[in-house]
N, C-alpha and C. Protein backbone atom coordinates (compact mmCIF):
# COMPACT_ATOMS: atom_id res chain seq x y z
N UNK A 1 0.99 -1.28 0.02
CA UNK A 1 0.10 0.39 -0.10
C UNK A 1 0.73 1.23 -0.01
N UNK A 2 0.27 2.47 -1.03
CA UNK A 2 1.08 3.27 -0.90
C UNK A 2 0.38 4.50 -0.36
N UNK A 3 0.90 5.57 0.12
CA UNK A 3 0.62 6.61 1.04
C UNK A 3 -1.07 6.60 1.26
N UNK A 4 -1.22 5.07 1.95
CA UNK A 4 -2.21 4.79 3.00
C UNK A 4 -3.05 4.52 2.30
N UNK A 5 -3.14 4.76 0.77
CA UNK A 5 -4.31 3.72 -0.19
C UNK A 5 -4.84 2.49 -0.10
N UNK A 6 -5.82 1.83 0.53
CA UNK A 6 -6.12 0.67 0.42
C UNK A 6 -6.91 -0.23 -1.00
N UNK A 7 -5.91 -0.75 -1.12
CA UNK A 7 -6.23 -1.90 -2.31
C UNK A 7 -7.05 -2.84 -2.30
N UNK A 8 -8.01 -3.66 -3.09
CA UNK A 8 -8.71 -4.61 -3.15
C UNK A 8 -8.27 -5.36 -3.59
N UNK A 9 -7.89 -6.75 -3.10
CA UNK A 9 -8.03 -7.76 -3.85
C UNK A 9 -8.95 -9.40 -3.83
N UNK A 10 -9.64 -9.23 -4.53
CA UNK A 10 -10.69 -10.32 -4.59
C UNK A 10 -11.48 -10.72 -5.64
N UNK A 11 -12.61 -11.37 -5.38
CA UNK A 11 -13.52 -11.49 -6.19
C UNK A 11 -14.28 -10.62 -6.29
N UNK A 12 -14.86 -10.13 -7.58
CA UNK A 12 -15.74 -8.74 -7.90
C UNK A 12 -16.79 -9.32 -9.03
N UNK A 13 -18.38 -8.93 -8.51
CA UNK A 13 -19.22 -9.30 -8.92
C UNK A 13 -19.93 -8.32 -9.22
N UNK A 14 -20.35 -7.77 -10.19
CA UNK A 14 -21.25 -6.39 -10.43
C UNK A 14 -22.73 -7.00 -11.40
N UNK A 15 -23.62 -6.60 -10.71
CA UNK A 15 -24.99 -6.74 -11.43
C UNK A 15 -25.88 -5.86 -11.95
N UNK A 16 -25.70 -5.39 -12.82
CA UNK A 16 -26.67 -4.20 -13.26
C UNK A 16 -27.29 -4.29 -13.62
N UNK A 17 -28.60 -2.98 -13.02
CA UNK A 17 -30.01 -3.14 -13.28
C UNK A 17 -30.54 -2.28 -14.21
N UNK A 18 -30.49 -0.83 -13.75
CA UNK A 18 -30.82 0.22 -14.49
C UNK A 18 -30.54 1.16 -14.50
N UNK A 19 -30.96 2.21 -15.99
CA UNK A 19 -30.56 3.39 -15.33
C UNK A 19 -32.02 4.67 -15.98
N UNK A 20 -31.51 5.44 -15.34
CA UNK A 20 -32.86 6.26 -15.51
C UNK A 20 -32.49 7.57 -15.89
N UNK A 21 -33.10 8.79 -16.04
CA UNK A 21 -32.84 10.05 -16.73
C UNK A 21 -31.94 10.20 -17.32
N UNK A 22 -31.35 8.96 -18.64
CA UNK A 22 -30.12 9.44 -19.06
C UNK A 22 -30.66 10.55 -20.54
N UNK A 23 -30.22 11.50 -20.51
CA UNK A 23 -29.89 12.81 -21.54
C UNK A 23 -28.48 12.77 -22.61
N UNK A 24 -28.95 12.90 -23.72
CA UNK A 24 -27.99 13.34 -24.77
C UNK A 24 -26.99 14.30 -23.88
N UNK A 25 -25.93 14.47 -24.18
CA UNK A 25 -24.79 15.42 -24.22
C UNK A 25 -24.77 16.60 -25.23
N UNK A 26 -24.01 17.66 -24.95
CA UNK A 26 -24.38 18.83 -26.19
C UNK A 26 -23.66 18.22 -27.59
N UNK A 27 -22.31 17.44 -26.91
CA UNK A 27 -21.32 17.06 -27.93
C UNK A 27 -22.42 15.82 -28.72
N UNK A 28 -23.27 15.01 -27.83
CA UNK A 28 -23.62 13.81 -29.38
C UNK A 28 -24.77 14.81 -29.65
N UNK A 29 -25.33 15.62 -29.37
CA UNK A 29 -26.23 16.91 -30.23
C UNK A 29 -25.73 17.61 -31.55
N UNK A 30 -24.47 17.58 -31.55
CA UNK A 30 -24.02 18.51 -32.50
C UNK A 30 -24.11 18.60 -33.84
N UNK A 31 -24.47 17.17 -34.33
CA UNK A 31 -25.25 17.07 -35.77
C UNK A 31 -26.59 16.76 -35.76
N UNK A 32 -27.30 16.83 -34.90
CA UNK A 32 -28.39 16.55 -34.52
C UNK A 32 -29.58 17.81 -35.46
N UNK A 33 -30.60 17.05 -35.60
CA UNK A 33 -31.53 18.31 -36.36
C UNK A 33 -32.37 18.67 -35.43
N UNK A 34 -32.78 17.83 -34.27
CA UNK A 34 -33.96 18.02 -33.43
C UNK A 34 -32.87 18.51 -32.38
N UNK A 35 -31.89 19.32 -31.83
CA UNK A 35 -31.03 20.04 -30.82
C UNK A 35 -31.93 20.22 -29.88
N UNK A 36 -33.17 20.52 -29.93
CA UNK A 36 -33.85 21.33 -28.76
C UNK A 36 -35.16 20.24 -28.31
N UNK A 37 -35.23 18.79 -29.04
CA UNK A 37 -36.33 18.57 -28.67
C UNK A 37 -35.76 16.89 -27.87
N UNK A 38 -36.61 16.51 -27.20
CA UNK A 38 -36.27 15.18 -26.88
C UNK A 38 -35.87 14.00 -27.29
N UNK A 39 -34.74 13.77 -26.68
CA UNK A 39 -33.88 12.50 -28.34
C UNK A 39 -33.95 10.92 -27.20
N UNK A 40 -34.01 9.96 -27.58
CA UNK A 40 -34.11 8.93 -26.97
C UNK A 40 -32.85 8.08 -27.80
N UNK A 41 -31.93 7.50 -26.73
CA UNK A 41 -30.62 6.89 -26.92
C UNK A 41 -30.57 5.35 -26.72
N UNK A 42 -29.67 5.03 -27.25
CA UNK A 42 -29.35 4.07 -27.70
C UNK A 42 -28.21 3.55 -26.72
N UNK A 43 -28.53 3.04 -25.33
CA UNK A 43 -27.28 3.39 -24.24
C UNK A 43 -27.05 1.99 -23.85
N UNK A 44 -25.57 1.80 -23.46
CA UNK A 44 -24.95 0.80 -22.71
C UNK A 44 -24.06 0.95 -21.76
N UNK A 45 -24.04 -0.10 -20.96
CA UNK A 45 -22.88 0.47 -19.91
C UNK A 45 -21.81 -0.62 -20.27
N UNK A 46 -20.24 0.17 -19.53
CA UNK A 46 -19.13 -0.24 -19.30
C UNK A 46 -19.09 -0.54 -17.74
N UNK A 47 -18.21 -1.76 -17.54
CA UNK A 47 -17.90 -2.03 -16.23
C UNK A 47 -16.36 -1.75 -15.95
N UNK A 48 -15.76 -1.31 -15.63
CA UNK A 48 -14.15 -1.11 -15.39
C UNK A 48 -13.35 -1.72 -14.45
N UNK A 49 -12.48 -1.97 -13.80
CA UNK A 49 -11.52 -1.94 -12.26
C UNK A 49 -10.57 -1.12 -13.33
N UNK A 50 -9.80 -0.04 -12.68
CA UNK A 50 -8.81 0.61 -12.92
C UNK A 50 -8.41 0.95 -14.58
N UNK A 51 -9.30 1.19 -15.09
CA UNK A 51 -9.58 1.37 -16.40
C UNK A 51 -9.19 0.52 -17.14
N UNK A 52 -9.41 -0.82 -16.93
CA UNK A 52 -9.79 -1.69 -17.75
C UNK A 52 -10.98 -2.67 -17.78
N UNK A 53 -11.06 -2.68 -18.85
CA UNK A 53 -13.06 -3.18 -18.77
C UNK A 53 -13.22 -4.74 -18.51
N UNK A 54 -13.86 -4.70 -17.48
CA UNK A 54 -14.22 -6.17 -17.39
C UNK A 54 -15.68 -6.56 -17.56
N UNK A 55 -16.67 -5.49 -17.93
CA UNK A 55 -17.82 -6.04 -18.81
C UNK A 55 -18.58 -4.70 -19.72
N UNK A 56 -19.31 -5.36 -20.53
CA UNK A 56 -20.22 -4.10 -21.30
C UNK A 56 -21.46 -4.92 -21.23
N UNK A 57 -22.60 -4.17 -20.98
CA UNK A 57 -23.93 -5.05 -21.26
C UNK A 57 -24.47 -4.90 -22.65
N UNK A 58 -25.67 -5.10 -22.81
CA UNK A 58 -26.20 -5.52 -24.22
C UNK A 58 -26.85 -4.07 -24.60
N UNK A 59 -26.73 -3.22 -25.89
CA UNK A 59 -27.33 -2.01 -26.38
C UNK A 59 -29.07 -2.09 -26.09
N UNK A 60 -29.28 -0.83 -25.68
CA UNK A 60 -30.96 -1.42 -25.27
C UNK A 60 -31.50 0.16 -26.42
N UNK A 61 -32.16 -0.15 -27.38
CA UNK A 61 -32.70 0.38 -28.68
C UNK A 61 -33.53 1.76 -27.93
N UNK A 62 -33.50 3.06 -28.32
CA UNK A 62 -34.39 4.29 -28.20
C UNK A 62 -35.26 4.41 -26.83
N UNK A 63 -33.96 4.36 -25.66
CA UNK A 63 -34.61 4.68 -24.40
C UNK A 63 -33.83 5.67 -23.74
N UNK A 64 -34.38 6.27 -22.65
CA UNK A 64 -33.67 7.00 -21.84
C UNK A 64 -33.63 6.35 -20.16
N UNK A 65 -34.42 5.10 -20.06
CA UNK A 65 -34.42 4.39 -19.23
C UNK A 65 -34.33 2.90 -19.24
N UNK A 66 -32.92 2.29 -19.47
CA UNK A 66 -32.94 0.61 -20.22
C UNK A 66 -33.17 -0.01 -19.08
N UNK A 67 -33.24 -0.89 -19.12
CA UNK A 67 -33.40 -2.08 -18.00
C UNK A 67 -32.18 -3.44 -18.50
N UNK A 68 -31.07 -3.44 -17.66
CA UNK A 68 -30.18 -4.35 -17.72
C UNK A 68 -30.24 -5.75 -17.01
N UNK A 69 -30.41 -5.68 -15.88
CA UNK A 69 -30.16 -7.41 -15.50
C UNK A 69 -29.41 -8.39 -15.84
N UNK A 70 -27.83 -7.42 -16.07
CA UNK A 70 -26.44 -8.61 -16.18
C UNK A 70 -25.60 -8.22 -15.27
N UNK A 71 -25.13 -9.51 -15.50
CA UNK A 71 -24.43 -9.32 -14.27
C UNK A 71 -22.87 -10.00 -14.84
N UNK A 72 -21.60 -9.26 -14.62
CA UNK A 72 -20.60 -9.37 -14.50
C UNK A 72 -19.35 -9.61 -13.63
N UNK A 73 -18.58 -10.95 -13.73
CA UNK A 73 -17.26 -10.92 -12.39
C UNK A 73 -16.20 -10.42 -12.84
N UNK A 74 -15.21 -10.57 -11.76
CA UNK A 74 -13.33 -10.28 -12.45
C UNK A 74 -13.10 -10.70 -11.12
N UNK A 75 -11.85 -11.42 -11.36
CA UNK A 75 -10.82 -11.62 -9.63
C UNK A 75 -9.98 -10.11 -10.31
N UNK A 76 -10.07 -9.61 -9.10
CA UNK A 76 -8.95 -8.28 -8.90
C UNK A 76 -8.26 -8.49 -8.28
N UNK A 77 -6.96 -7.79 -8.64
CA UNK A 77 -5.91 -7.72 -7.81
C UNK A 77 -5.47 -6.31 -7.49
N UNK A 78 -4.69 -5.45 -6.60
CA UNK A 78 -4.51 -4.09 -6.05
C UNK A 78 -5.28 -3.19 -7.25
N UNK A 79 -7.25 -3.74 -6.84
CA UNK A 79 -8.26 -2.84 -7.51
C UNK A 79 -8.33 -1.65 -6.63
N UNK A 80 -8.01 -0.23 -7.59
CA UNK A 80 -8.11 0.88 -6.63
C UNK A 80 -9.84 1.60 -6.75
N UNK A 81 -10.33 1.38 -8.16
CA UNK A 81 -11.35 1.93 -8.45
C UNK A 81 -11.98 1.31 -9.23
N UNK A 82 -14.00 1.25 -9.14
CA UNK A 82 -14.22 0.99 -9.86
C UNK A 82 -15.07 1.85 -10.51
N UNK A 83 -15.18 1.67 -12.01
CA UNK A 83 -15.98 2.72 -13.03
C UNK A 83 -17.17 2.03 -13.81
N UNK A 84 -18.22 2.63 -13.58
CA UNK A 84 -19.47 2.51 -14.50
C UNK A 84 -19.41 3.50 -15.29
N UNK A 85 -19.68 3.77 -16.69
CA UNK A 85 -19.67 4.48 -17.73
C UNK A 85 -21.15 4.09 -18.97
N UNK A 86 -21.67 5.11 -19.51
CA UNK A 86 -23.00 4.86 -20.12
C UNK A 86 -22.57 5.57 -21.26
N UNK A 87 -22.76 4.83 -22.33
CA UNK A 87 -22.25 5.36 -23.65
C UNK A 87 -23.74 5.35 -24.50
N UNK A 88 -23.60 6.08 -25.65
CA UNK A 88 -24.94 6.06 -26.93
C UNK A 88 -23.96 5.45 -28.04
N UNK A 89 -24.60 4.21 -28.45
CA UNK A 89 -24.00 3.52 -29.93
C UNK A 89 -24.55 4.12 -30.60
N UNK A 90 -23.79 4.47 -31.48
CA UNK A 90 -23.86 5.55 -32.94
C UNK A 90 -23.57 4.29 -33.77
N UNK A 91 -24.28 4.69 -35.24
CA UNK A 91 -24.00 3.66 -36.49
C UNK A 91 -23.11 3.77 -36.91
N UNK A 92 -22.17 4.91 -36.98
CA UNK A 92 -20.64 5.04 -37.52
C UNK A 92 -20.20 6.38 -36.39
N UNK A 93 -18.60 5.91 -36.65
CA UNK A 93 -18.08 6.58 -35.84
C UNK A 93 -17.84 6.13 -34.30
N UNK A 94 -17.41 7.20 -33.31
CA UNK A 94 -17.34 6.41 -32.11
C UNK A 94 -18.82 6.43 -31.69
N UNK A 95 -18.71 5.96 -30.37
CA UNK A 95 -19.85 5.99 -29.51
C UNK A 95 -19.54 7.38 -28.81
N UNK A 96 -21.12 7.96 -28.20
CA UNK A 96 -20.91 9.08 -27.42
C UNK A 96 -21.16 8.72 -25.76
N UNK A 97 -20.41 9.20 -25.42
CA UNK A 97 -20.24 9.37 -23.74
C UNK A 97 -21.16 10.16 -23.14
N UNK A 98 -22.00 9.31 -22.21
CA UNK A 98 -23.41 9.77 -21.44
C UNK A 98 -23.10 10.16 -20.36
N UNK A 99 -22.45 9.37 -19.38
CA UNK A 99 -22.25 9.66 -18.08
C UNK A 99 -21.24 8.67 -17.44
N UNK A 100 -21.04 8.92 -16.10
CA UNK A 100 -19.63 7.69 -15.69
C UNK A 100 -20.01 8.57 -14.08
N UNK A 101 -19.42 7.01 -13.80
CA UNK A 101 -19.19 7.45 -11.96
C UNK A 101 -18.40 6.41 -11.96
N UNK A 102 -16.97 6.87 -10.86
CA UNK A 102 -16.22 6.32 -10.51
C UNK A 102 -16.14 6.07 -8.46
N UNK A 103 -16.30 4.66 -8.19
CA UNK A 103 -16.32 4.28 -6.86
C UNK A 103 -14.75 3.93 -6.61
N UNK A 104 -14.21 4.44 -5.06
CA UNK A 104 -13.26 3.90 -5.00
C UNK A 104 -13.28 2.75 -4.08
N UNK A 105 -12.54 1.75 -4.23
CA UNK A 105 -12.73 0.47 -3.16
C UNK A 105 -12.76 0.36 -2.10
N UNK A 106 -11.86 1.56 -1.55
CA UNK A 106 -11.29 1.88 -0.21
C UNK A 106 -12.62 2.75 0.38
N UNK A 107 -13.33 3.51 -0.51
CA UNK A 107 -14.46 4.31 -0.02
C UNK A 107 -15.54 3.21 0.38
N UNK A 108 -15.90 1.84 -0.58
CA UNK A 108 -16.81 0.93 -0.58
C UNK A 108 -16.80 0.23 1.08
N UNK A 109 -15.26 0.04 1.22
CA UNK A 109 -15.05 -0.63 2.23
C UNK A 109 -14.90 0.03 3.38
N UNK A 110 -14.74 1.76 3.45
CA UNK A 110 -14.89 2.08 4.82
C UNK A 110 -16.34 2.24 5.01
N UNK A 111 -17.28 2.30 4.06
CA UNK A 111 -18.50 2.99 4.01
C UNK A 111 -19.52 1.76 4.62
N UNK A 112 -19.01 0.61 4.06
CA UNK A 112 -19.73 -0.40 4.84
C UNK A 112 -20.06 -0.81 6.04
N UNK A 113 -18.15 -0.82 6.45
CA UNK A 113 -18.04 -0.69 8.03
C UNK A 113 -17.96 -2.27 7.74
N UNK A 114 -18.80 -2.51 9.59
CA UNK A 114 -18.79 -4.19 10.03
C UNK A 114 -20.05 -4.52 9.90
N UNK A 115 -21.45 -3.84 8.84
CA UNK A 115 -22.60 -4.63 8.36
C UNK A 115 -22.09 -5.12 6.99
N UNK A 116 -20.88 -4.92 6.09
CA UNK A 116 -20.75 -5.78 5.39
C UNK A 116 -21.35 -5.06 4.06
N UNK A 117 -22.27 -4.08 4.52
CA UNK A 117 -23.44 -4.38 3.50
C UNK A 117 -23.36 -2.20 3.66
N UNK A 118 -23.90 -1.54 2.22
CA UNK A 118 -23.94 -0.38 2.06
C UNK A 118 -25.22 -0.24 0.80
N UNK A 119 -26.22 0.19 0.90
CA UNK A 119 -26.96 0.26 0.15
C UNK A 119 -27.23 1.83 -0.42
N UNK A 120 -27.28 1.92 -1.50
CA UNK A 120 -27.32 3.46 -1.49
C UNK A 120 -27.87 4.15 -3.45
N UNK A 121 -27.07 5.34 -3.83
CA UNK A 121 -27.74 5.46 -5.01
C UNK A 121 -26.63 5.84 -5.83
N UNK A 122 -26.02 5.28 -7.05
CA UNK A 122 -24.95 5.20 -7.64
C UNK A 122 -25.24 6.43 -8.35
N UNK A 123 -24.50 7.48 -8.34
CA UNK A 123 -24.89 8.36 -9.72
C UNK A 123 -23.82 9.12 -10.12
N UNK A 124 -23.99 9.82 -11.15
CA UNK A 124 -23.03 10.84 -12.16
C UNK A 124 -22.43 11.27 -11.18
N UNK A 125 -21.14 11.55 -11.64
CA UNK A 125 -20.03 12.22 -10.64
C UNK A 125 -20.08 13.30 -11.13
N UNK A 126 -20.18 13.83 -12.29
CA UNK A 126 -20.02 15.41 -12.70
C UNK A 126 -20.99 16.31 -12.81
N UNK A 127 -21.37 17.02 -11.33
CA UNK A 127 -22.53 17.69 -11.78
C UNK A 127 -22.80 18.74 -13.08
N UNK A 128 -21.84 18.92 -13.82
CA UNK A 128 -22.33 19.49 -14.78
C UNK A 128 -22.76 19.02 -15.95
N UNK A 129 -22.65 17.77 -15.77
CA UNK A 129 -23.40 16.74 -17.15
C UNK A 129 -24.75 17.44 -17.42
N UNK A 130 -25.12 16.65 -18.25
CA UNK A 130 -26.80 17.13 -18.78
C UNK A 130 -27.70 16.09 -17.92
N UNK A 131 -26.92 15.08 -17.72
CA UNK A 131 -27.56 13.62 -17.61
C UNK A 131 -27.88 14.48 -15.44
N UNK A 132 -29.02 13.70 -15.10
CA UNK A 132 -29.40 14.13 -13.36
C UNK A 132 -28.31 13.13 -13.04
N UNK A 133 -28.46 13.71 -11.39
CA UNK A 133 -27.37 12.95 -10.33
C UNK A 133 -28.15 11.32 -10.58
N UNK A 134 -29.29 11.31 -10.50
CA UNK A 134 -29.58 9.92 -10.22
C UNK A 134 -29.68 9.38 -11.78
N UNK A 135 -28.86 8.95 -12.37
CA UNK A 135 -28.49 8.43 -13.71
C UNK A 135 -28.47 7.06 -13.58
N UNK A 136 -27.97 6.47 -12.54
CA UNK A 136 -27.53 4.94 -12.90
C UNK A 136 -28.57 4.45 -11.61
N UNK A 137 -28.95 3.18 -11.55
CA UNK A 137 -30.29 2.80 -10.62
C UNK A 137 -29.76 2.80 -8.81
N UNK A 138 -30.56 2.57 -8.36
CA UNK A 138 -29.81 2.11 -6.53
C UNK A 138 -29.09 1.02 -6.68
N UNK A 139 -28.09 0.82 -5.97
CA UNK A 139 -27.35 0.04 -5.48
C UNK A 139 -27.21 -0.46 -3.76
N UNK A 140 -26.75 -2.02 -4.14
CA UNK A 140 -26.40 -2.20 -2.88
C UNK A 140 -25.22 -2.64 -2.82
N UNK A 141 -23.82 -2.58 -1.91
CA UNK A 141 -22.68 -3.57 -1.90
C UNK A 141 -22.79 -4.20 -1.02
N UNK A 142 -22.10 -5.28 -1.07
CA UNK A 142 -21.70 -6.37 0.32
C UNK A 142 -20.43 -6.74 0.06
N UNK A 143 -19.78 -5.94 0.42
CA UNK A 143 -17.91 -6.37 1.21
C UNK A 143 -17.66 -7.38 1.62
N UNK A 144 -16.88 -7.87 1.41
CA UNK A 144 -16.16 -8.84 2.07
C UNK A 144 -14.43 -9.00 1.55
N UNK A 145 -13.54 -8.13 2.06
CA UNK A 145 -11.99 -7.87 1.70
C UNK A 145 -11.50 -9.17 2.20
N UNK A 146 -10.58 -9.01 0.70
CA UNK A 146 -9.89 -10.17 0.74
C UNK A 146 -10.47 -11.61 0.21
N UNK A 147 -11.85 -11.77 -0.25
CA UNK A 147 -12.47 -13.23 -0.70
C UNK A 147 -13.18 -12.63 -1.88
N UNK A 148 -14.33 -11.78 -1.20
CA UNK A 148 -15.38 -11.68 -2.58
C UNK A 148 -15.48 -10.08 -2.26
N UNK A 149 -16.13 -9.59 -3.50
CA UNK A 149 -16.62 -7.99 -3.17
C UNK A 149 -17.51 -7.91 -4.23
N UNK A 150 -19.23 -8.86 -4.04
CA UNK A 150 -20.18 -8.36 -4.82
C UNK A 150 -20.76 -6.95 -4.75
N UNK A 151 -20.73 -6.81 -5.88
CA UNK A 151 -21.50 -5.48 -5.84
C UNK A 151 -23.05 -5.75 -7.01
N UNK A 152 -23.70 -5.45 -6.54
CA UNK A 152 -25.49 -5.84 -7.08
C UNK A 152 -26.05 -4.42 -7.23
N UNK A 153 -26.18 -4.23 -8.29
CA UNK A 153 -27.16 -3.22 -8.71
C UNK A 153 -28.37 -3.59 -9.02
N UNK A 154 -29.40 -3.54 -8.07
CA UNK A 154 -30.74 -4.02 -8.34
C UNK A 154 -31.91 -3.09 -9.47
N UNK A 155 -32.98 -3.57 -9.85
CA UNK A 155 -33.30 -2.81 -10.68
C UNK A 155 -34.93 -2.62 -9.99
N UNK A 156 -35.18 -2.53 -9.05
CA UNK A 156 -35.76 -2.27 -8.21
C UNK A 156 -35.45 -1.16 -7.54
N UNK A 157 -36.50 0.55 -7.51
CA UNK A 157 -36.17 1.67 -7.11
C UNK A 157 -36.24 1.45 -5.25
N UNK A 158 -35.43 2.35 -4.34
CA UNK A 158 -34.90 2.17 -3.16
C UNK A 158 -36.26 2.93 -2.58
N UNK A 159 -36.89 2.94 -1.50
CA UNK A 159 -37.64 3.77 -0.46
C UNK A 159 -36.77 4.91 0.15
N UNK A 160 -37.47 5.83 0.16
CA UNK A 160 -36.89 7.13 0.79
C UNK A 160 -36.00 7.79 -0.15
N UNK A 161 -35.40 8.75 0.52
CA UNK A 161 -34.12 9.46 -0.07
C UNK A 161 -32.96 8.71 -0.07
N UNK A 162 -32.51 8.70 -1.31
CA UNK A 162 -31.02 7.76 -1.06
C UNK A 162 -29.89 8.51 -0.82
N UNK A 163 -28.86 7.85 -0.13
CA UNK A 163 -27.80 8.65 0.12
C UNK A 163 -27.09 8.36 -1.40
N UNK A 164 -25.92 9.43 -1.21
CA UNK A 164 -25.45 9.64 -3.00
C UNK A 164 -23.73 9.69 -2.66
N UNK A 165 -23.06 9.14 -3.38
CA UNK A 165 -21.46 9.26 -3.12
C UNK A 165 -20.88 10.71 -3.35
């Protein structure tokens, strides 16, 4: 460990439930004829650990509230952070970035504490993004340092006011 940063070693399981309130960025609308209107996306979500992709959901057509219910697993060695990123699939050229969230393993381990479980909302990290902060589904994190680190993103909405990262 360097400079007090805790690294995660173990098994990672990520279950992607849904994303809500996704909106195209100004960049993705630059060639659109309907810049001011409501535009549906063809979104997919990527899961990465320390900038190494460990999974990608299927693309959902013409929706701003896709439901995935897909699961990805990976063995992680010296993991620093988990990134969830949403992209809009385009027929030509590069796909357009929509939103992302970076979760530090150290923060997840500390937040879970003795209960080994954290439940809250996973949100877009950049408040200047056009997408609302609640662009990704409610999430439950179950922590087992050194052996398992399942992350479950259920598609069912949580009751009450969600906590935010």
